[in-house]
Amino acid sequence: MTNTPRLACPNRRFRADVLSGLSLPQKRLSAKYFYDAAGSRLFDEITELEEYYPTRTELGIMTAHATEMAARCGPRCLLIELGAGSLTKVRLLLDRLDRPAGYAPVDVSGEHLRAAATALAADYPALDVAPVVADFTSPFDLPPVSAARRVVYFPGSTIGNFDPHEADALLRRVARMVGSGGGLLLGVDLRKDPAVLERAYNDAAGVTAAFNHNLLVRINRELGTDFDPAMFRHRAFYNHELSRIEMHLVSTTAQRVRVGSAAFDFRAGESIHTENSYKYAVPEFAARAAACGLRLDETWTDDQNYFAVLYLTAR
């Protein structure tokens, strides 16, 4: 799991997505609904777990190479961060940018974003910080900032949460957003020993399990459903064929759940698929990005080749 697009939208859309997802042969719930206030706090806890290598590995790469990354972004750039969350990693970049024209963190969790943006603006008084409350998987308006170049910053391997056709659509949207010569600084989780991957999503303290279960808690609270989270167990495993971690909530017994007037029956052992996290090889991802109008210019990785930060330029 990563910092997926955070959605805090009207209940009508939420209800429609839950109903359609539970009606599928393989029941699904969208990972974008993980991030209510409790889910955001749990995700922040996950990033500090010993088993969860992506955050500290990416931070290590950023610490070692942020000066080079800032040079790629160039002077007077407008930095646009997608799924901005707590605005932690971006500080390494902001400290090294040459006279940035502005910083636009984008997130749909408005309260969380505004609080983080206020704190960051206090630490960077000369920087024009313009938070954008939006679901970045759909079109949104950017602040009217005059800049030499637009650069999208998309850390945390969130790109892996998108199915391949969705990832392609997002890459094409970013290429259009930044325009010819604009950039994308992107975190990508790489293929590795499946045991390392599975430990990262099945931590011993059970924080990831709590994060997964909290999705049902949120649905109950906001939609008035009658899920019993205790009747579902967390399961995460590596799907070798599709090169992805899958997260599921598995029904421990035969049960019926109501969403308004609709009822959904579960067999014992039947699951709700809640998240995917695709893992890539850099050449494969570069070819995918090229087909979407983005040329890979530079790659930074850690010593174990667990994670990569890529700089791509829109053609």
Foldseek 3Di string as FASTA:
>chain_A
DWLAAAADDDVVVQLVQQVVQLPDPQRAHELNPLDDPVLLVLVVVLLPDPLAPFNVFVLVLCQVCLLVVLVLQPAQEEEEEESCRLVDSCVSNVVRHHHHQAYEYEHQNVVRQVVSQVVVCVVVVVHHYHYHNDRLLDDDDDPPTDGPWYEYEYETLNLQFDDLVSSLSSLLVVLVVGDAFHKYWYKAFADDPQVSVQCSCCPPVCSNFVSVLVSVVVCCVSQVKDDDSVQWTWDWGADVVQQKIWIKTFGQAWDWIDRDPDIRTDHHGRIYTYTIGHHHDVVVVQVSSVVSQWHWDDWTGDPVRRMIITMIGGD
